[in-house]
Amino acid sequence: MSRPSNSSEGVSDEQWDDWQRRFADSDAESGFEVTRDFVPFNQMNDMFTGAFWDPLVKSGDTDAFFASYRTVAAPRGQAGWAISDIISDRAAATGLREGFQGSFANDTPVAPMWADLSDPADETAEIKALARMFGADLVGITEVDER
């Protein structure tokens, strides 16, 4: 299998202009100049995902690395990794790793109605409280830069 190429096909000028406006401050703070010929990174090319499909990377050592932290789910501690692995492995045969390393694919129909969310600060506090209840000690929420 050859490495998948990245592609920016299908990004409209309107979408690109929106991204440039929304992320101008963070681009400037980081020192990046993102031009129109920018090509988004394909998640299949990251070093972790390549270890699942690329014969130049995949080995007994990489298999042992991933197996080393996989344990039976416990009420606290490794439960987050167990769930991450279950979700990540759903599309492993295609070289995709959902969740921790990439976007989730819908496997059920999306609800026909949006949830009635309250104030963003209240929703953030609720998500962080739920994550801490499941054992997370650090939780952050940020906007996704689709580029």
N, C-alpha and C. Protein backbone atom coordinates (compact mmCIF):
# COMPACT_ATOMS: atom_id res chain seq x y z
N MET A 1 0.85 -1.18 0.00
CA MET A 1 0.00 0.00 0.00
C MET A 1 0.90 1.24 0.00
N SER A 2 0.62 2.17 -0.87
CA SER A 2 1.41 3.40 -0.91
C SER A 2 0.80 4.44 0.03
N ARG A 3 1.60 5.39 0.41
CA ARG A 3 1.11 6.44 1.30
C ARG A 3 0.02 7.25 0.59
N PRO A 4 -1.10 7.47 1.28
CA PRO A 4 -2.16 8.29 0.68
C PRO A 4 -1.69 9.73 0.53
N SER A 5 -2.09 10.38 -0.52
CA SER A 5 -1.70 11.77 -0.69
C SER A 5 -2.73 12.68 -0.04
N ASN A 6 -2.27 13.84 0.36
CA ASN A 6 -3.17 14.84 0.92
C ASN A 6 -3.86 15.56 -0.23
N SER A 7 -5.01 16.15 0.05
CA SER A 7 -5.73 16.84 -1.00
C SER A 7 -6.51 18.01 -0.43
N SER A 8 -6.54 19.10 -1.15
CA SER A 8 -7.36 20.24 -0.76
C SER A 8 -8.51 20.43 -1.74
N GLU A 9 -8.77 19.41 -2.55
CA GLU A 9 -9.86 19.50 -3.52
C GLU A 9 -11.19 19.66 -2.79
N GLY A 10 -12.08 20.42 -3.38
CA GLY A 10 -13.41 20.57 -2.82
C GLY A 10 -13.55 21.68 -1.80
N VAL A 11 -12.49 22.42 -1.50
CA VAL A 11 -12.58 23.53 -0.56
C VAL A 11 -12.93 24.78 -1.37
N SER A 12 -14.12 25.30 -1.13
CA SER A 12 -14.56 26.48 -1.88
C SER A 12 -13.81 27.73 -1.43
N ASP A 13 -13.83 28.74 -2.28
CA ASP A 13 -13.20 30.01 -1.92
C ASP A 13 -13.87 30.61 -0.69
N GLU A 14 -15.19 30.44 -0.59
CA GLU A 14 -15.92 30.97 0.56
C GLU A 14 -15.46 30.28 1.84
N GLN A 15 -15.29 28.95 1.78
CA GLN A 15 -14.83 28.21 2.95
C GLN A 15 -13.42 28.64 3.33
N TRP A 16 -12.56 28.77 2.32
CA TRP A 16 -11.19 29.18 2.57
C TRP A 16 -11.14 30.56 3.23
N ASP A 17 -11.92 31.50 2.70
CA ASP A 17 -11.95 32.85 3.26
C ASP A 17 -12.45 32.82 4.71
N ASP A 18 -13.44 31.97 5.00
CA ASP A 18 -13.94 31.84 6.37
C ASP A 18 -12.83 31.33 7.30
N TRP A 19 -12.10 30.31 6.85
CA TRP A 19 -11.00 29.78 7.67
C TRP A 19 -9.94 30.85 7.92
N GLN A 20 -9.59 31.58 6.88
CA GLN A 20 -8.58 32.62 7.03
C GLN A 20 -9.02 33.67 8.05
N ARG A 21 -10.30 34.04 8.03
CA ARG A 21 -10.81 35.02 8.98
C ARG A 21 -10.82 34.44 10.39
N ARG A 22 -11.36 33.23 10.54
CA ARG A 22 -11.52 32.63 11.87
C ARG A 22 -10.19 32.32 12.54
N PHE A 23 -9.19 31.94 11.75
CA PHE A 23 -7.93 31.49 12.35
C PHE A 23 -6.78 32.48 12.17
N ALA A 24 -7.09 33.70 11.74
CA ALA A 24 -6.04 34.70 11.51
C ALA A 24 -5.23 34.97 12.77
N ASP A 25 -5.90 35.12 13.91
CA ASP A 25 -5.19 35.44 15.15
C ASP A 25 -4.28 34.30 15.59
N SER A 26 -4.78 33.06 15.56
CA SER A 26 -3.94 31.94 16.00
C SER A 26 -2.81 31.68 15.01
N ASP A 27 -3.05 31.90 13.71
CA ASP A 27 -1.97 31.77 12.73
C ASP A 27 -0.86 32.78 13.03
N ALA A 28 -1.26 34.03 13.30
CA ALA A 28 -0.27 35.08 13.58
C ALA A 28 0.49 34.77 14.87
N GLU A 29 -0.23 34.32 15.91
CA GLU A 29 0.42 34.01 17.18
C GLU A 29 1.43 32.87 17.05
N SER A 30 1.13 31.92 16.17
CA SER A 30 2.02 30.77 16.00
C SER A 30 3.13 31.05 14.99
N GLY A 31 3.00 32.14 14.24
CA GLY A 31 4.01 32.46 13.23
C GLY A 31 3.80 31.75 11.91
N PHE A 32 2.63 31.14 11.72
CA PHE A 32 2.35 30.44 10.47
C PHE A 32 1.67 31.36 9.48
N GLU A 33 2.03 31.21 8.22
CA GLU A 33 1.29 31.85 7.13
C GLU A 33 0.69 30.72 6.30
N VAL A 34 -0.62 30.58 6.37
CA VAL A 34 -1.30 29.51 5.65
C VAL A 34 -1.85 30.09 4.36
N THR A 35 -1.28 29.63 3.23
CA THR A 35 -1.66 30.16 1.93
C THR A 35 -2.66 29.23 1.25
N ARG A 36 -3.21 29.69 0.14
CA ARG A 36 -4.26 28.94 -0.57
C ARG A 36 -3.75 27.60 -1.10
N ASP A 37 -2.46 27.47 -1.31
CA ASP A 37 -1.94 26.19 -1.80
C ASP A 37 -1.64 25.20 -0.67
N PHE A 38 -1.99 25.58 0.55
CA PHE A 38 -1.83 24.69 1.70
C PHE A 38 -2.65 23.41 1.48
N VAL A 39 -2.07 22.28 1.82
CA VAL A 39 -2.75 20.99 1.68
C VAL A 39 -2.90 20.39 3.07
N PRO A 40 -4.12 20.12 3.52
CA PRO A 40 -4.31 19.54 4.85
C PRO A 40 -3.57 18.21 4.99
N PHE A 41 -3.12 17.94 6.19
CA PHE A 41 -2.40 16.70 6.47
C PHE A 41 -3.38 15.54 6.53
N ASN A 42 -3.05 14.45 5.86
CA ASN A 42 -3.89 13.26 5.89
C ASN A 42 -3.52 12.44 7.11
N GLN A 43 -4.48 12.21 7.98
CA GLN A 43 -4.25 11.52 9.24
C GLN A 43 -3.64 10.14 9.05
N MET A 44 -3.85 9.49 7.91
CA MET A 44 -3.26 8.18 7.67
C MET A 44 -1.74 8.25 7.62
N ASN A 45 -1.17 9.45 7.44
CA ASN A 45 0.28 9.59 7.34
C ASN A 45 0.96 9.87 8.67
N ASP A 46 0.20 9.97 9.78
CA ASP A 46 0.88 10.24 11.04
C ASP A 46 1.64 9.00 11.50
N MET A 47 2.59 9.19 12.39
CA MET A 47 3.48 8.09 12.76
C MET A 47 2.77 6.96 13.47
N PHE A 48 1.67 7.26 14.16
CA PHE A 48 0.97 6.20 14.87
C PHE A 48 0.12 5.37 13.91
N THR A 49 -0.63 6.03 13.05
CA THR A 49 -1.50 5.30 12.13
C THR A 49 -0.68 4.50 11.12
N GLY A 50 0.43 5.05 10.66
CA GLY A 50 1.28 4.33 9.73
C GLY A 50 1.76 3.00 10.29
N ALA A 51 1.88 2.92 11.60
CA ALA A 51 2.32 1.68 12.24
C ALA A 51 1.29 0.57 12.12
N PHE A 52 0.08 0.90 11.69
CA PHE A 52 -0.96 -0.11 11.52
C PHE A 52 -1.05 -0.61 10.08
N TRP A 53 -0.57 0.17 9.11
CA TRP A 53 -0.77 -0.23 7.72
C TRP A 53 0.49 -0.19 6.85
N ASP A 54 1.48 0.60 7.22
CA ASP A 54 2.66 0.77 6.36
C ASP A 54 3.69 -0.31 6.67
N PRO A 55 3.98 -1.20 5.72
CA PRO A 55 4.94 -2.29 5.99
C PRO A 55 6.35 -1.79 6.31
N LEU A 56 6.66 -0.54 5.96
CA LEU A 56 7.97 0.02 6.31
C LEU A 56 8.04 0.45 7.77
N VAL A 57 6.88 0.60 8.41
CA VAL A 57 6.82 1.04 9.80
C VAL A 57 6.33 -0.08 10.71
N LYS A 58 5.30 -0.78 10.27
CA LYS A 58 4.68 -1.84 11.08
C LYS A 58 5.68 -2.96 11.36
N SER A 59 5.75 -3.36 12.62
CA SER A 59 6.67 -4.43 13.01
C SER A 59 6.18 -5.07 14.30
N GLY A 60 6.87 -6.08 14.73
CA GLY A 60 6.56 -6.68 16.02
C GLY A 60 6.73 -5.67 17.14
N ASP A 61 7.70 -4.77 16.99
CA ASP A 61 7.92 -3.75 18.02
C ASP A 61 6.76 -2.76 18.08
N THR A 62 6.24 -2.32 16.92
CA THR A 62 5.12 -1.38 16.96
C THR A 62 3.87 -2.08 17.49
N ASP A 63 3.66 -3.34 17.09
CA ASP A 63 2.52 -4.09 17.64
C ASP A 63 2.64 -4.21 19.16
N ALA A 64 3.85 -4.48 19.65
CA ALA A 64 4.06 -4.61 21.10
C ALA A 64 3.83 -3.28 21.81
N PHE A 65 4.22 -2.18 21.16
CA PHE A 65 3.99 -0.87 21.76
C PHE A 65 2.51 -0.63 22.00
N PHE A 66 1.70 -0.85 20.97
CA PHE A 66 0.26 -0.60 21.11
C PHE A 66 -0.38 -1.59 22.07
N ALA A 67 0.10 -2.82 22.09
CA ALA A 67 -0.45 -3.82 23.02
C ALA A 67 -0.05 -3.52 24.46
N SER A 68 1.03 -2.78 24.67
CA SER A 68 1.55 -2.57 26.02
C SER A 68 0.64 -1.74 26.91
N TYR A 69 -0.18 -0.89 26.34
CA TYR A 69 -1.07 -0.10 27.18
C TYR A 69 -2.52 -0.56 27.11
N ARG A 70 -2.79 -1.58 26.34
CA ARG A 70 -4.15 -2.10 26.23
C ARG A 70 -4.39 -3.07 27.38
N THR A 71 -5.33 -2.72 28.20
CA THR A 71 -5.68 -3.57 29.34
C THR A 71 -7.19 -3.74 29.38
N VAL A 72 -7.64 -4.62 30.21
CA VAL A 72 -9.08 -4.78 30.41
C VAL A 72 -9.60 -3.49 31.02
N ALA A 73 -10.72 -3.01 30.52
CA ALA A 73 -11.28 -1.75 31.03
C ALA A 73 -11.57 -1.87 32.51
N ALA A 74 -11.16 -0.87 33.26
CA ALA A 74 -11.41 -0.80 34.70
C ALA A 74 -12.28 0.42 34.97
N PRO A 75 -12.98 0.44 36.12
CA PRO A 75 -13.84 1.59 36.40
C PRO A 75 -13.09 2.92 36.38
N ARG A 76 -11.82 2.93 36.75
CA ARG A 76 -11.03 4.16 36.71
C ARG A 76 -9.69 3.83 36.07
N GLY A 77 -9.04 4.79 35.55
CA GLY A 77 -7.71 4.56 35.02
C GLY A 77 -7.70 4.30 33.53
N GLN A 78 -7.59 3.04 33.12
CA GLN A 78 -7.42 2.71 31.71
C GLN A 78 -8.72 2.69 30.91
N ALA A 79 -9.84 2.97 31.51
CA ALA A 79 -11.11 2.90 30.78
C ALA A 79 -11.10 3.82 29.56
N GLY A 80 -10.51 4.99 29.69
CA GLY A 80 -10.46 5.92 28.57
C GLY A 80 -9.69 5.35 27.39
N TRP A 81 -8.56 4.68 27.67
CA TRP A 81 -7.77 4.07 26.60
C TRP A 81 -8.53 2.92 25.98
N ALA A 82 -9.25 2.15 26.80
CA ALA A 82 -10.00 1.00 26.25
C ALA A 82 -11.05 1.49 25.27
N ILE A 83 -11.78 2.54 25.63
CA ILE A 83 -12.81 3.08 24.75
C ILE A 83 -12.16 3.68 23.50
N SER A 84 -11.06 4.40 23.68
CA SER A 84 -10.34 4.97 22.54
C SER A 84 -9.92 3.87 21.57
N ASP A 85 -9.40 2.78 22.09
CA ASP A 85 -8.96 1.68 21.22
C ASP A 85 -10.12 1.05 20.47
N ILE A 86 -11.24 0.87 21.15
CA ILE A 86 -12.40 0.27 20.50
C ILE A 86 -12.84 1.13 19.32
N ILE A 87 -12.93 2.42 19.55
CA ILE A 87 -13.37 3.33 18.50
C ILE A 87 -12.30 3.45 17.41
N SER A 88 -11.04 3.59 17.83
CA SER A 88 -9.95 3.74 16.86
C SER A 88 -9.85 2.55 15.93
N ASP A 89 -10.13 1.36 16.44
CA ASP A 89 -9.98 0.15 15.65
C ASP A 89 -11.14 -0.13 14.69
N ARG A 90 -12.23 0.65 14.78
CA ARG A 90 -13.39 0.36 13.94
C ARG A 90 -13.06 0.34 12.45
N ALA A 91 -12.20 1.24 12.01
CA ALA A 91 -11.88 1.34 10.59
C ALA A 91 -10.42 0.99 10.33
N ALA A 92 -9.81 0.22 11.23
CA ALA A 92 -8.38 -0.10 11.11
C ALA A 92 -8.04 -0.77 9.79
N ALA A 93 -8.95 -1.57 9.26
CA ALA A 93 -8.69 -2.28 8.00
C ALA A 93 -8.48 -1.31 6.84
N THR A 94 -9.01 -0.10 6.96
CA THR A 94 -8.84 0.89 5.90
C THR A 94 -7.69 1.84 6.18
N GLY A 95 -7.02 1.65 7.33
CA GLY A 95 -5.90 2.50 7.69
C GLY A 95 -6.29 3.74 8.46
N LEU A 96 -7.56 3.89 8.78
CA LEU A 96 -8.01 5.05 9.54
C LEU A 96 -8.07 4.72 11.02
N ARG A 97 -7.75 5.72 11.85
CA ARG A 97 -7.81 5.57 13.30
C ARG A 97 -8.72 6.67 13.83
N GLU A 98 -9.95 6.32 14.15
CA GLU A 98 -10.91 7.32 14.61
C GLU A 98 -10.68 7.69 16.07
N GLY A 99 -11.17 8.86 16.44
CA GLY A 99 -11.17 9.27 17.84
C GLY A 99 -9.92 10.00 18.24
N PHE A 100 -9.04 9.32 18.95
CA PHE A 100 -7.83 9.95 19.47
C PHE A 100 -7.02 10.61 18.36
N GLN A 101 -6.96 9.99 17.21
CA GLN A 101 -6.12 10.50 16.13
C GLN A 101 -6.88 11.07 14.94
N GLY A 102 -8.18 11.01 14.93
CA GLY A 102 -8.89 11.52 13.77
C GLY A 102 -10.38 11.68 14.05
N SER A 103 -11.07 12.14 13.06
CA SER A 103 -12.51 12.37 13.19
C SER A 103 -13.27 11.05 13.30
N PHE A 104 -14.41 11.13 13.94
CA PHE A 104 -15.29 9.97 14.05
C PHE A 104 -16.16 9.87 12.80
N ALA A 105 -16.40 8.66 12.34
CA ALA A 105 -17.34 8.44 11.25
C ALA A 105 -18.71 8.14 11.87
N ASN A 106 -19.76 8.69 11.28
CA ASN A 106 -21.10 8.39 11.78
C ASN A 106 -21.43 6.94 11.49
N ASP A 107 -21.84 6.21 12.52
CA ASP A 107 -22.26 4.82 12.30
C ASP A 107 -23.74 4.63 12.58
N THR A 108 -24.38 5.71 12.97
CA THR A 108 -25.83 5.72 13.15
C THR A 108 -26.35 7.02 12.57
N PRO A 109 -27.62 7.07 12.22
CA PRO A 109 -28.16 8.32 11.68
C PRO A 109 -28.04 9.46 12.69
N VAL A 110 -27.77 10.64 12.19
CA VAL A 110 -27.69 11.81 13.05
C VAL A 110 -29.11 12.19 13.47
N ALA A 111 -29.26 12.61 14.71
CA ALA A 111 -30.58 12.98 15.23
C ALA A 111 -31.18 14.09 14.37
N PRO A 112 -32.49 14.04 14.13
CA PRO A 112 -33.11 15.05 13.27
C PRO A 112 -33.20 16.43 13.92
N MET A 113 -33.00 16.51 15.25
CA MET A 113 -33.10 17.80 15.95
C MET A 113 -31.79 18.06 16.68
N TRP A 114 -31.41 19.34 16.76
CA TRP A 114 -30.24 19.74 17.52
C TRP A 114 -30.59 19.76 19.00
N ALA A 115 -29.63 19.44 19.84
CA ALA A 115 -29.82 19.56 21.29
C ALA A 115 -29.92 21.04 21.63
N ASP A 116 -30.77 21.36 22.58
CA ASP A 116 -30.92 22.73 23.03
C ASP A 116 -29.84 23.00 24.07
N LEU A 117 -28.75 23.61 23.63
CA LEU A 117 -27.62 23.85 24.52
C LEU A 117 -27.76 25.21 25.18
N SER A 118 -27.23 25.28 26.38
CA SER A 118 -27.29 26.56 27.10
C SER A 118 -26.07 27.40 26.76
N ASP A 119 -25.65 28.19 27.68
CA ASP A 119 -24.50 29.05 27.52
C ASP A 119 -23.23 28.22 27.28
N PRO A 120 -22.36 28.59 26.31
CA PRO A 120 -21.13 27.82 26.05
C PRO A 120 -20.29 27.57 27.31
N ALA A 121 -20.22 28.55 28.21
CA ALA A 121 -19.44 28.37 29.44
C ALA A 121 -20.06 27.28 30.31
N ASP A 122 -21.39 27.23 30.37
CA ASP A 122 -22.07 26.18 31.15
C ASP A 122 -21.84 24.81 30.52
N GLU A 123 -21.91 24.73 29.20
CA GLU A 123 -21.69 23.45 28.51
C GLU A 123 -20.25 22.98 28.71
N THR A 124 -19.31 23.92 28.64
CA THR A 124 -17.90 23.58 28.87
C THR A 124 -17.70 23.01 30.26
N ALA A 125 -18.30 23.66 31.27
CA ALA A 125 -18.18 23.18 32.65
C ALA A 125 -18.78 21.79 32.80
N GLU A 126 -19.91 21.54 32.14
CA GLU A 126 -20.55 20.23 32.24
C GLU A 126 -19.70 19.13 31.59
N ILE A 127 -19.13 19.42 30.42
CA ILE A 127 -18.27 18.45 29.75
C ILE A 127 -17.04 18.15 30.60
N LYS A 128 -16.43 19.19 31.17
CA LYS A 128 -15.24 18.99 32.00
C LYS A 128 -15.58 18.19 33.26
N ALA A 129 -16.72 18.46 33.87
CA ALA A 129 -17.12 17.72 35.06
C ALA A 129 -17.34 16.24 34.73
N LEU A 130 -17.97 15.97 33.59
CA LEU A 130 -18.20 14.58 33.18
C LEU A 130 -16.88 13.88 32.89
N ALA A 131 -15.97 14.55 32.21
CA ALA A 131 -14.66 13.96 31.92
C ALA A 131 -13.90 13.66 33.21
N ARG A 132 -13.97 14.56 34.18
CA ARG A 132 -13.29 14.32 35.46
C ARG A 132 -13.93 13.17 36.22
N MET A 133 -15.26 13.04 36.11
CA MET A 133 -15.94 11.92 36.75
C MET A 133 -15.41 10.59 36.22
N PHE A 134 -15.02 10.56 34.93
CA PHE A 134 -14.49 9.34 34.32
C PHE A 134 -12.98 9.22 34.47
N GLY A 135 -12.38 10.11 35.27
CA GLY A 135 -10.97 9.96 35.60
C GLY A 135 -10.00 10.89 34.91
N ALA A 136 -10.48 11.77 34.05
CA ALA A 136 -9.56 12.71 33.39
C ALA A 136 -9.07 13.74 34.42
N ASP A 137 -7.78 14.04 34.38
CA ASP A 137 -7.28 15.07 35.28
C ASP A 137 -6.99 16.38 34.56
N LEU A 138 -7.06 16.34 33.24
CA LEU A 138 -6.85 17.54 32.44
C LEU A 138 -7.82 17.49 31.26
N VAL A 139 -8.64 18.52 31.12
CA VAL A 139 -9.64 18.55 30.06
C VAL A 139 -9.58 19.92 29.39
N GLY A 140 -9.53 19.94 28.06
CA GLY A 140 -9.52 21.19 27.35
C GLY A 140 -10.51 21.16 26.19
N ILE A 141 -11.04 22.30 25.85
CA ILE A 141 -12.00 22.41 24.75
C ILE A 141 -11.53 23.55 23.86
N THR A 142 -11.50 23.29 22.56
CA THR A 142 -11.05 24.30 21.62
C THR A 142 -11.81 24.17 20.31
N GLU A 143 -11.72 25.18 19.50
CA GLU A 143 -12.32 25.13 18.17
C GLU A 143 -11.45 24.28 17.26
N VAL A 144 -12.06 23.54 16.36
CA VAL A 144 -11.33 22.72 15.41
C VAL A 144 -10.95 23.57 14.20
N ASP A 145 -9.68 23.53 13.84
CA ASP A 145 -9.21 24.20 12.63
C ASP A 145 -9.27 23.14 11.53
N GLU A 146 -10.30 23.20 10.68
CA GLU A 146 -10.54 22.18 9.66
C GLU A 146 -9.46 22.13 8.60
N ARG A 147 -8.63 23.16 8.55
CA ARG A 147 -7.59 23.17 7.53
C ARG A 147 -6.62 22.04 7.74
